[in-house]
């Protein structure tokens, strides 16, 4: 058994770990746990000898006791995007999966902000999507946040892919001419 392993709280079933030491005899531990269907990965670096497991337990307790997960349900996502030169002026979009993220318990009743961004290669100069678009085509991403701060992950784009709910063909010459007159 690794020194200090008895300090792990049995409430947190550690299902993966990697230990290590530095040249200065400092200890490291990466551990994963899944409690109530909520997985976390902890990384503890450069702890004094014999403390890596107790520090990992403290970190796990901090996360599970003082944070909660929030589900942004795909059913609640209702958004239309403008289409440049399309038969339809706007089309509905969707996300295919619900999104889960962690929040501090102090933020339990804070509204989640939502921002849809259009991929640059599909974007018109006014920020709308350029026609034609196909049904279920990925056109951009949904960024979630709080207090105008984005939900973030280390080294990973946090935008949830956004797809069209229907196709929209390019409008004909006369349709565009009529729109320009009005």
N, C-alpha and C. Protein backbone atom coordinates (compact mmCIF):
# COMPACT_ATOMS: atom_id res chain seq x y z
N UNK A 1 0.84 -1.18 0.00
CA UNK A 1 0.00 0.00 0.00
C UNK A 1 0.89 1.25 0.00
N UNK A 2 0.45 2.28 -0.69
CA UNK A 2 1.18 3.54 -0.75
C UNK A 2 0.97 4.30 0.55
N UNK A 3 2.04 4.93 1.05
CA UNK A 3 1.95 5.68 2.30
C UNK A 3 0.87 6.74 2.22
N UNK A 4 -0.02 6.77 3.21
CA UNK A 4 -1.08 7.77 3.27
C UNK A 4 -2.38 7.31 2.65
N UNK A 5 -2.41 6.15 2.00
CA UNK A 5 -3.62 5.70 1.32
C UNK A 5 -4.77 5.47 2.28
N UNK A 6 -4.47 5.19 3.53
CA UNK A 6 -5.53 4.97 4.52
C UNK A 6 -6.29 6.25 4.83
N UNK A 7 -5.77 7.41 4.40
CA UNK A 7 -6.42 8.70 4.66
C UNK A 7 -7.54 9.01 3.66
N UNK A 8 -7.72 8.17 2.66
CA UNK A 8 -8.77 8.40 1.66
C UNK A 8 -10.12 8.14 2.29
N UNK A 9 -11.05 9.05 2.09
CA UNK A 9 -12.40 8.93 2.62
C UNK A 9 -13.15 7.86 1.83
N UNK A 10 -13.67 6.81 2.48
CA UNK A 10 -14.37 5.75 1.76
C UNK A 10 -15.68 6.22 1.10
N UNK A 11 -16.15 7.42 1.45
CA UNK A 11 -17.35 7.97 0.81
C UNK A 11 -17.09 8.24 -0.67
N UNK A 12 -15.83 8.48 -1.01
CA UNK A 12 -15.45 8.77 -2.39
C UNK A 12 -14.76 7.55 -2.98
N UNK A 13 -15.47 6.75 -3.75
CA UNK A 13 -14.88 5.54 -4.31
C UNK A 13 -13.89 5.89 -5.44
N UNK A 14 -12.62 5.93 -5.10
CA UNK A 14 -11.59 6.26 -6.09
C UNK A 14 -11.49 5.09 -7.06
N UNK A 15 -11.73 5.37 -8.36
CA UNK A 15 -11.69 4.30 -9.35
C UNK A 15 -10.51 4.41 -10.31
N UNK A 16 -9.65 5.36 -10.07
CA UNK A 16 -8.44 5.47 -10.87
C UNK A 16 -7.47 6.40 -10.18
N UNK A 17 -6.19 6.04 -10.21
CA UNK A 17 -5.21 6.95 -9.62
C UNK A 17 -3.84 6.72 -10.21
N UNK A 18 -3.03 7.76 -10.11
CA UNK A 18 -1.63 7.72 -10.53
C UNK A 18 -0.85 8.52 -9.51
N UNK A 19 0.17 7.88 -8.94
CA UNK A 19 1.01 8.56 -7.95
C UNK A 19 2.35 8.90 -8.57
N UNK A 20 3.05 9.80 -7.91
CA UNK A 20 4.39 10.15 -8.36
C UNK A 20 5.09 10.99 -7.31
N UNK A 21 6.42 11.09 -7.44
CA UNK A 21 7.21 11.93 -6.53
C UNK A 21 8.17 12.77 -7.35
N UNK A 22 8.57 13.90 -6.77
CA UNK A 22 9.55 14.77 -7.42
C UNK A 22 10.93 14.50 -6.84
N UNK A 23 11.93 15.12 -7.43
CA UNK A 23 13.29 14.97 -6.93
C UNK A 23 13.43 15.52 -5.52
N UNK A 24 12.59 16.46 -5.15
CA UNK A 24 12.63 17.06 -3.80
C UNK A 24 11.78 16.26 -2.80
N UNK A 25 11.39 15.05 -3.18
CA UNK A 25 10.59 14.16 -2.33
C UNK A 25 9.18 14.69 -2.08
N UNK A 26 8.69 15.56 -2.97
CA UNK A 26 7.30 16.00 -2.88
C UNK A 26 6.45 14.96 -3.60
N UNK A 27 5.20 14.82 -3.15
CA UNK A 27 4.35 13.77 -3.70
C UNK A 27 3.21 14.36 -4.54
N UNK A 28 2.81 13.60 -5.55
CA UNK A 28 1.75 13.99 -6.47
C UNK A 28 0.71 12.87 -6.51
N UNK A 29 -0.52 13.24 -6.84
CA UNK A 29 -1.58 12.24 -6.98
C UNK A 29 -2.65 12.77 -7.93
N UNK A 30 -2.98 11.96 -8.92
CA UNK A 30 -4.13 12.22 -9.78
C UNK A 30 -5.12 11.11 -9.48
N UNK A 31 -6.34 11.47 -9.13
CA UNK A 31 -7.35 10.47 -8.77
C UNK A 31 -8.68 10.83 -9.41
N UNK A 32 -9.45 9.80 -9.74
CA UNK A 32 -10.80 10.01 -10.27
C UNK A 32 -11.79 9.32 -9.35
N UNK A 33 -12.95 9.91 -9.25
CA UNK A 33 -14.02 9.31 -8.47
C UNK A 33 -15.36 9.63 -9.13
N UNK A 34 -16.33 8.80 -8.85
CA UNK A 34 -17.66 8.99 -9.41
C UNK A 34 -18.65 8.78 -8.27
N UNK A 35 -19.18 9.86 -7.76
CA UNK A 35 -20.12 9.79 -6.64
C UNK A 35 -21.49 10.26 -7.13
N UNK A 36 -22.47 9.43 -6.97
CA UNK A 36 -23.85 9.75 -7.39
C UNK A 36 -23.92 10.12 -8.87
N UNK A 37 -23.11 9.46 -9.69
CA UNK A 37 -23.12 9.72 -11.13
C UNK A 37 -22.40 10.99 -11.55
N UNK A 38 -21.67 11.60 -10.62
CA UNK A 38 -20.96 12.86 -10.92
C UNK A 38 -19.46 12.61 -10.80
N UNK A 39 -18.79 12.54 -11.93
CA UNK A 39 -17.37 12.23 -11.98
C UNK A 39 -16.53 13.49 -11.85
N UNK A 40 -15.46 13.38 -11.05
CA UNK A 40 -14.46 14.45 -10.98
C UNK A 40 -13.07 13.82 -11.09
N UNK A 41 -12.15 14.62 -11.54
CA UNK A 41 -10.74 14.26 -11.61
C UNK A 41 -10.00 15.26 -10.74
N UNK A 42 -9.23 14.77 -9.79
CA UNK A 42 -8.46 15.66 -8.92
C UNK A 42 -6.98 15.52 -9.25
N UNK A 43 -6.28 16.63 -9.16
CA UNK A 43 -4.83 16.65 -9.39
C UNK A 43 -4.21 17.40 -8.22
N UNK A 44 -3.38 16.72 -7.46
CA UNK A 44 -2.69 17.31 -6.32
C UNK A 44 -1.19 17.18 -6.59
N UNK A 45 -0.50 18.32 -6.59
CA UNK A 45 0.93 18.33 -6.92
C UNK A 45 1.76 18.86 -5.76
N UNK A 46 2.95 18.32 -5.62
CA UNK A 46 3.99 18.83 -4.71
C UNK A 46 3.54 18.94 -3.26
N UNK A 47 2.88 17.92 -2.75
CA UNK A 47 2.51 17.93 -1.34
C UNK A 47 3.65 17.37 -0.50
N UNK A 48 3.73 17.77 0.75
CA UNK A 48 4.74 17.16 1.63
C UNK A 48 4.49 15.65 1.76
N UNK A 49 5.52 14.94 2.06
CA UNK A 49 5.47 13.48 2.15
C UNK A 49 4.31 13.01 3.05
N UNK A 50 3.53 12.05 2.52
CA UNK A 50 2.44 11.44 3.28
C UNK A 50 1.13 12.21 3.28
N UNK A 51 1.05 13.33 2.53
CA UNK A 51 -0.17 14.14 2.55
C UNK A 51 -0.97 14.11 1.25
N UNK A 52 -0.47 13.43 0.23
CA UNK A 52 -1.17 13.50 -1.06
C UNK A 52 -2.59 12.94 -0.99
N UNK A 53 -2.81 11.88 -0.22
CA UNK A 53 -4.15 11.30 -0.13
C UNK A 53 -5.08 12.18 0.70
N UNK A 54 -4.58 12.73 1.80
CA UNK A 54 -5.43 13.59 2.62
C UNK A 54 -5.79 14.87 1.86
N UNK A 55 -4.84 15.41 1.08
CA UNK A 55 -5.13 16.61 0.27
C UNK A 55 -6.13 16.29 -0.83
N UNK A 56 -6.02 15.11 -1.42
CA UNK A 56 -6.97 14.69 -2.45
C UNK A 56 -8.37 14.55 -1.85
N UNK A 57 -8.44 13.95 -0.66
CA UNK A 57 -9.74 13.82 0.02
C UNK A 57 -10.33 15.19 0.32
N UNK A 58 -9.51 16.13 0.77
CA UNK A 58 -10.01 17.49 1.04
C UNK A 58 -10.57 18.12 -0.23
N UNK A 59 -9.87 17.92 -1.34
CA UNK A 59 -10.32 18.48 -2.62
C UNK A 59 -11.64 17.85 -3.05
N UNK A 60 -11.75 16.54 -2.92
CA UNK A 60 -13.01 15.87 -3.27
C UNK A 60 -14.15 16.35 -2.37
N UNK A 61 -13.89 16.47 -1.08
CA UNK A 61 -14.91 16.98 -0.16
C UNK A 61 -15.34 18.39 -0.54
N UNK A 62 -14.39 19.24 -0.90
CA UNK A 62 -14.70 20.61 -1.31
C UNK A 62 -15.64 20.61 -2.51
N UNK A 63 -15.33 19.81 -3.51
CA UNK A 63 -16.15 19.79 -4.72
C UNK A 63 -17.54 19.25 -4.42
N UNK A 64 -17.62 18.09 -3.81
CA UNK A 64 -18.93 17.46 -3.59
C UNK A 64 -19.77 18.16 -2.53
N UNK A 65 -19.16 18.78 -1.54
CA UNK A 65 -19.93 19.44 -0.48
C UNK A 65 -20.31 20.88 -0.80
N UNK A 66 -19.55 21.56 -1.64
CA UNK A 66 -19.78 22.98 -1.88
C UNK A 66 -20.14 23.33 -3.32
N UNK A 67 -20.34 22.33 -4.15
CA UNK A 67 -20.70 22.56 -5.55
C UNK A 67 -21.82 21.61 -5.94
N UNK A 68 -22.52 21.97 -6.99
CA UNK A 68 -23.58 21.12 -7.51
C UNK A 68 -23.55 21.18 -9.03
N UNK A 69 -24.15 20.18 -9.65
CA UNK A 69 -24.21 20.19 -11.10
C UNK A 69 -25.52 20.81 -11.55
N UNK A 70 -25.45 21.48 -12.67
CA UNK A 70 -26.62 22.11 -13.28
C UNK A 70 -26.82 21.46 -14.65
N UNK A 71 -28.05 21.14 -14.94
CA UNK A 71 -28.37 20.57 -16.25
C UNK A 71 -29.05 21.65 -17.08
N UNK A 72 -28.46 21.94 -18.24
CA UNK A 72 -29.14 22.80 -19.21
C UNK A 72 -29.75 21.84 -20.23
N UNK A 73 -31.07 21.67 -20.13
CA UNK A 73 -31.77 20.66 -20.92
C UNK A 73 -31.93 21.10 -22.36
N UNK A 74 -31.65 20.19 -23.27
CA UNK A 74 -31.78 20.50 -24.70
C UNK A 74 -33.22 20.87 -25.06
N UNK A 75 -34.19 20.38 -24.30
CA UNK A 75 -35.60 20.71 -24.56
C UNK A 75 -35.90 22.18 -24.28
N UNK A 76 -35.12 22.80 -23.40
CA UNK A 76 -35.35 24.20 -23.05
C UNK A 76 -34.66 25.17 -23.99
N UNK A 77 -33.86 24.67 -24.91
CA UNK A 77 -33.14 25.54 -25.83
C UNK A 77 -34.06 25.91 -26.98
N UNK A 78 -34.47 27.16 -27.01
CA UNK A 78 -35.34 27.67 -28.07
C UNK A 78 -34.65 28.88 -28.67
N UNK A 79 -34.24 28.78 -29.91
CA UNK A 79 -33.49 29.87 -30.54
C UNK A 79 -33.71 29.82 -32.04
N UNK A 80 -33.83 31.00 -32.63
CA UNK A 80 -33.86 31.15 -34.08
C UNK A 80 -32.64 31.95 -34.49
N UNK A 81 -32.11 31.66 -35.67
CA UNK A 81 -31.00 32.45 -36.20
C UNK A 81 -31.43 33.06 -37.53
N UNK A 82 -30.89 34.22 -37.83
CA UNK A 82 -31.18 34.90 -39.09
C UNK A 82 -30.42 34.21 -40.22
N UNK A 83 -31.06 34.17 -41.39
CA UNK A 83 -30.45 33.56 -42.57
C UNK A 83 -30.35 34.61 -43.66
N UNK A 84 -29.13 34.85 -44.14
CA UNK A 84 -28.92 35.82 -45.23
C UNK A 84 -29.24 35.16 -46.56
N UNK A 85 -30.07 35.82 -47.34
CA UNK A 85 -30.44 35.37 -48.69
C UNK A 85 -31.13 34.01 -48.71
N UNK A 86 -31.81 33.66 -47.63
CA UNK A 86 -32.53 32.39 -47.60
C UNK A 86 -33.99 32.59 -47.95
N UNK A 87 -34.66 31.50 -48.31
CA UNK A 87 -36.09 31.56 -48.55
C UNK A 87 -36.78 31.99 -47.25
N UNK A 88 -36.37 31.41 -46.13
CA UNK A 88 -36.84 31.85 -44.82
C UNK A 88 -35.85 32.87 -44.27
N UNK A 89 -36.37 33.88 -43.60
CA UNK A 89 -35.51 34.93 -43.03
C UNK A 89 -34.84 34.44 -41.75
N UNK A 90 -35.54 33.59 -40.99
CA UNK A 90 -34.98 32.98 -39.78
C UNK A 90 -35.32 31.49 -39.79
N UNK A 91 -34.46 30.70 -39.14
CA UNK A 91 -34.73 29.27 -38.98
C UNK A 91 -34.44 28.88 -37.53
N UNK A 92 -35.16 27.87 -37.03
CA UNK A 92 -34.90 27.41 -35.66
C UNK A 92 -33.65 26.54 -35.61
N UNK A 93 -32.96 26.59 -34.47
CA UNK A 93 -31.78 25.76 -34.27
C UNK A 93 -31.95 24.96 -32.98
N UNK A 94 -31.09 23.95 -32.80
CA UNK A 94 -31.20 23.06 -31.64
C UNK A 94 -29.82 22.62 -31.19
N UNK A 95 -29.77 22.07 -29.97
CA UNK A 95 -28.60 21.34 -29.51
C UNK A 95 -29.05 19.89 -29.37
N UNK A 96 -28.14 18.95 -29.61
CA UNK A 96 -28.53 17.55 -29.62
C UNK A 96 -28.42 16.87 -28.26
N UNK A 97 -27.63 17.45 -27.35
CA UNK A 97 -27.45 16.85 -26.02
C UNK A 97 -27.65 17.90 -24.95
N UNK A 98 -28.18 17.47 -23.82
CA UNK A 98 -28.24 18.35 -22.66
C UNK A 98 -26.82 18.56 -22.14
N UNK A 99 -26.59 19.68 -21.46
CA UNK A 99 -25.26 20.04 -20.98
C UNK A 99 -25.28 20.08 -19.46
N UNK A 100 -24.25 19.52 -18.84
CA UNK A 100 -24.10 19.54 -17.39
C UNK A 100 -22.83 20.30 -17.04
N UNK A 101 -22.90 21.14 -16.00
CA UNK A 101 -21.70 21.81 -15.53
C UNK A 101 -21.82 22.07 -14.03
N UNK A 102 -20.65 22.31 -13.40
CA UNK A 102 -20.58 22.49 -11.96
C UNK A 102 -20.68 23.96 -11.60
N UNK A 103 -21.41 24.24 -10.51
CA UNK A 103 -21.50 25.60 -9.97
C UNK A 103 -21.32 25.55 -8.46
N UNK A 104 -20.80 26.63 -7.93
CA UNK A 104 -20.69 26.77 -6.49
C UNK A 104 -22.10 26.85 -5.91
N UNK A 105 -22.31 26.28 -4.73
CA UNK A 105 -23.64 26.30 -4.11
C UNK A 105 -24.16 27.71 -3.87
N UNK A 106 -23.29 28.70 -3.76
CA UNK A 106 -23.72 30.10 -3.59
C UNK A 106 -24.42 30.62 -4.84
N UNK A 107 -24.23 29.97 -5.98
CA UNK A 107 -24.81 30.42 -7.25
C UNK A 107 -26.03 29.59 -7.65
N UNK A 108 -26.71 29.02 -6.69
CA UNK A 108 -27.80 28.10 -6.98
C UNK A 108 -28.95 28.74 -7.77
N UNK A 109 -29.22 30.02 -7.55
CA UNK A 109 -30.38 30.65 -8.20
C UNK A 109 -29.98 31.73 -9.20
N UNK A 110 -28.77 31.66 -9.69
CA UNK A 110 -28.30 32.65 -10.66
C UNK A 110 -28.66 32.17 -12.06
N UNK A 111 -29.24 33.05 -12.88
CA UNK A 111 -29.61 32.63 -14.23
C UNK A 111 -28.39 32.32 -15.10
N UNK A 112 -28.55 31.34 -15.95
CA UNK A 112 -27.50 30.95 -16.88
C UNK A 112 -27.66 31.78 -18.15
N UNK A 113 -26.56 32.36 -18.64
CA UNK A 113 -26.60 33.13 -19.88
C UNK A 113 -26.29 32.20 -21.05
N UNK A 114 -26.87 32.52 -22.20
CA UNK A 114 -26.70 31.70 -23.40
C UNK A 114 -26.34 32.60 -24.57
N UNK A 115 -25.31 32.21 -25.32
CA UNK A 115 -24.92 32.97 -26.50
C UNK A 115 -24.61 32.00 -27.64
N UNK A 116 -25.30 32.19 -28.77
CA UNK A 116 -25.05 31.37 -29.95
C UNK A 116 -24.09 32.12 -30.86
N UNK A 117 -23.04 31.44 -31.27
CA UNK A 117 -22.09 32.01 -32.22
C UNK A 117 -22.14 31.19 -33.50
N UNK A 118 -22.02 31.87 -34.63
CA UNK A 118 -22.06 31.22 -35.93
C UNK A 118 -20.63 30.98 -36.40
N UNK A 119 -20.37 29.78 -36.97
CA UNK A 119 -19.05 29.48 -37.52
C UNK A 119 -18.69 30.52 -38.57
N UNK A 120 -17.45 30.98 -38.53
CA UNK A 120 -16.98 32.04 -39.44
C UNK A 120 -17.20 31.69 -40.91
N UNK A 121 -16.96 30.44 -41.29
CA UNK A 121 -17.08 30.06 -42.70
C UNK A 121 -18.53 30.06 -43.19
N UNK A 122 -19.50 30.05 -42.27
CA UNK A 122 -20.92 30.07 -42.64
C UNK A 122 -21.57 31.42 -42.38
N UNK A 123 -20.78 32.37 -41.89
CA UNK A 123 -21.32 33.63 -41.42
C UNK A 123 -21.29 34.71 -42.50
N UNK A 124 -22.39 35.43 -42.61
CA UNK A 124 -22.47 36.60 -43.49
C UNK A 124 -21.84 37.79 -42.75
N UNK A 125 -21.63 38.88 -43.44
CA UNK A 125 -21.00 40.06 -42.81
C UNK A 125 -21.84 40.63 -41.68
N UNK A 126 -23.15 40.42 -41.70
CA UNK A 126 -24.01 40.93 -40.62
C UNK A 126 -24.15 39.94 -39.45
N UNK A 127 -23.44 38.82 -39.50
CA UNK A 127 -23.48 37.83 -38.42
C UNK A 127 -24.51 36.73 -38.61
N UNK A 128 -25.32 36.81 -39.65
CA UNK A 128 -26.32 35.78 -39.91
C UNK A 128 -25.68 34.60 -40.65
N UNK A 129 -26.44 33.51 -40.75
CA UNK A 129 -25.98 32.33 -41.49
C UNK A 129 -26.26 32.56 -42.97
N UNK A 130 -25.32 32.17 -43.81
CA UNK A 130 -25.53 32.30 -45.26
C UNK A 130 -26.29 31.09 -45.79
N UNK A 131 -27.31 31.33 -46.60
CA UNK A 131 -28.06 30.25 -47.25
C UNK A 131 -27.22 29.72 -48.41
N UNK A 132 -27.38 28.48 -48.77
CA UNK A 132 -28.30 27.48 -48.26
C UNK A 132 -27.73 26.76 -47.05
N UNK A 133 -28.65 26.23 -46.22
CA UNK A 133 -28.27 25.37 -45.10
C UNK A 133 -29.14 24.12 -45.14
N UNK A 134 -28.57 23.02 -44.68
CA UNK A 134 -29.29 21.75 -44.66
C UNK A 134 -29.83 21.47 -43.26
N UNK A 135 -30.85 20.63 -43.19
CA UNK A 135 -31.38 20.20 -41.90
C UNK A 135 -30.29 19.43 -41.16
N UNK A 136 -30.18 19.68 -39.85
CA UNK A 136 -29.18 19.05 -38.97
C UNK A 136 -27.74 19.44 -39.31
N UNK A 137 -27.55 20.54 -40.01
CA UNK A 137 -26.20 21.03 -40.31
C UNK A 137 -25.67 21.78 -39.09
N UNK A 138 -24.43 21.49 -38.72
CA UNK A 138 -23.79 22.22 -37.62
C UNK A 138 -23.45 23.61 -38.15
N UNK A 139 -23.96 24.64 -37.46
CA UNK A 139 -23.72 26.01 -37.93
C UNK A 139 -22.95 26.86 -36.93
N UNK A 140 -22.75 26.34 -35.73
CA UNK A 140 -22.05 27.15 -34.73
C UNK A 140 -22.04 26.49 -33.39
N UNK A 141 -21.99 27.33 -32.34
CA UNK A 141 -21.92 26.80 -30.99
C UNK A 141 -22.71 27.64 -30.00
N UNK A 142 -23.09 26.99 -28.92
CA UNK A 142 -23.78 27.64 -27.81
C UNK A 142 -22.80 27.75 -26.66
N UNK A 143 -22.59 28.97 -26.17
CA UNK A 143 -21.72 29.18 -25.01
C UNK A 143 -22.60 29.54 -23.82
N UNK A 144 -22.40 28.80 -22.74
CA UNK A 144 -23.15 29.03 -21.52
C UNK A 144 -22.28 29.77 -20.53
N UNK A 145 -22.90 30.54 -19.65
CA UNK A 145 -22.13 31.27 -18.65
C UNK A 145 -23.02 31.78 -17.53
N UNK A 146 -22.38 32.52 -16.63
CA UNK A 146 -23.07 33.18 -15.52
C UNK A 146 -22.39 34.51 -15.30
N UNK A 147 -23.14 35.51 -14.97
CA UNK A 147 -22.57 36.84 -14.74
C UNK A 147 -21.68 37.27 -15.90
N UNK A 148 -22.04 36.90 -17.10
CA UNK A 148 -21.27 37.21 -18.31
C UNK A 148 -19.91 36.51 -18.33
N UNK A 149 -19.73 35.50 -17.49
CA UNK A 149 -18.51 34.68 -17.51
C UNK A 149 -18.86 33.35 -18.15
N UNK A 150 -18.01 32.88 -19.06
CA UNK A 150 -18.27 31.63 -19.75
C UNK A 150 -17.96 30.44 -18.84
N UNK A 151 -18.73 29.38 -19.04
CA UNK A 151 -18.40 28.11 -18.42
C UNK A 151 -17.15 27.62 -19.14
N UNK A 152 -16.13 27.18 -18.40
CA UNK A 152 -14.85 26.87 -19.03
C UNK A 152 -14.32 25.50 -18.64
N UNK A 153 -13.54 24.95 -19.53
CA UNK A 153 -12.79 23.73 -19.31
C UNK A 153 -11.36 24.02 -19.70
N UNK A 154 -10.42 23.36 -19.07
CA UNK A 154 -9.02 23.58 -19.39
C UNK A 154 -8.72 22.96 -20.75
N UNK A 155 -8.21 23.77 -21.68
CA UNK A 155 -7.75 23.27 -22.97
C UNK A 155 -8.82 22.73 -23.89
N UNK A 156 -10.07 23.09 -23.68
CA UNK A 156 -11.15 22.55 -24.50
C UNK A 156 -12.15 23.64 -24.83
N UNK A 157 -12.61 23.64 -26.07
CA UNK A 157 -13.66 24.58 -26.46
C UNK A 157 -14.94 24.18 -25.74
N UNK A 158 -15.57 25.14 -25.11
CA UNK A 158 -16.77 24.84 -24.32
C UNK A 158 -18.06 25.03 -25.09
N UNK A 159 -17.98 25.44 -26.34
CA UNK A 159 -19.19 25.66 -27.11
C UNK A 159 -19.87 24.32 -27.41
N UNK A 160 -21.16 24.27 -27.14
CA UNK A 160 -21.97 23.10 -27.46
C UNK A 160 -22.41 23.25 -28.91
N UNK A 161 -22.22 22.24 -29.76
CA UNK A 161 -22.59 22.38 -31.17
C UNK A 161 -24.07 22.72 -31.34
N UNK A 162 -24.34 23.65 -32.26
CA UNK A 162 -25.70 24.07 -32.59
C UNK A 162 -26.01 23.62 -34.02
N UNK A 163 -27.19 23.03 -34.20
CA UNK A 163 -27.59 22.47 -35.49
C UNK A 163 -28.90 23.10 -35.95
N UNK A 164 -29.10 23.12 -37.26
CA UNK A 164 -30.36 23.63 -37.81
C UNK A 164 -31.45 22.58 -37.63
N UNK A 165 -32.68 23.03 -37.39
CA UNK A 165 -33.81 22.12 -37.27
C UNK A 165 -34.44 21.84 -38.64
N UNK A 166 -34.17 22.72 -39.59
CA UNK A 166 -34.74 22.55 -40.93
C UNK A 166 -33.78 23.12 -41.96
N UNK A 167 -33.98 22.76 -43.19
CA UNK A 167 -33.12 23.29 -44.26
C UNK A 167 -33.71 24.61 -44.76
N UNK A 168 -32.86 25.39 -45.40
CA UNK A 168 -33.30 26.67 -45.99
C UNK A 168 -32.50 26.89 -47.27
N UNK A 169 -33.22 26.90 -48.37
CA UNK A 169 -32.57 27.09 -49.67
C UNK A 169 -32.28 28.57 -49.90
N UNK A 170 -31.41 28.82 -50.83
CA UNK A 170 -31.09 30.20 -51.20
C UNK A 170 -32.30 30.79 -51.93
N UNK A 171 -32.66 32.00 -51.57
CA UNK A 171 -33.80 32.67 -52.19
C UNK A 171 -33.46 33.05 -53.63
N UNK A 172 -34.48 33.09 -54.46
CA UNK A 172 -34.29 33.45 -55.86
C UNK A 172 -34.07 34.95 -56.04
N UNK A 173 -33.73 35.32 -57.24
CA UNK A 173 -33.44 36.71 -57.59
C UNK A 173 -34.62 37.62 -57.25
N UNK A 174 -35.83 37.23 -57.65
CA UNK A 174 -36.99 38.09 -57.46
C UNK A 174 -37.37 38.22 -55.98
N UNK A 175 -37.19 37.16 -55.22
CA UNK A 175 -37.46 37.22 -53.78
C UNK A 175 -36.52 38.22 -53.12
N UNK A 176 -35.23 38.14 -53.45
CA UNK A 176 -34.26 39.08 -52.89
C UNK A 176 -34.53 40.51 -53.35
N UNK A 177 -34.91 40.67 -54.61
CA UNK A 177 -35.23 42.00 -55.13
C UNK A 177 -36.43 42.59 -54.39
N UNK A 178 -37.46 41.78 -54.20
CA UNK A 178 -38.65 42.22 -53.48
C UNK A 178 -38.30 42.63 -52.05
N UNK A 179 -37.45 41.84 -51.38
CA UNK A 179 -37.04 42.17 -50.01
C UNK A 179 -36.25 43.47 -49.97
N UNK A 180 -35.40 43.68 -50.95
CA UNK A 180 -34.60 44.91 -51.00
C UNK A 180 -35.48 46.14 -51.19
N UNK A 181 -36.57 46.01 -51.94
CA UNK A 181 -37.47 47.13 -52.19
C UNK A 181 -38.22 47.49 -50.90
N UNK A 182 -38.62 46.47 -50.15
CA UNK A 182 -39.35 46.72 -48.91
C UNK A 182 -38.37 47.06 -47.84
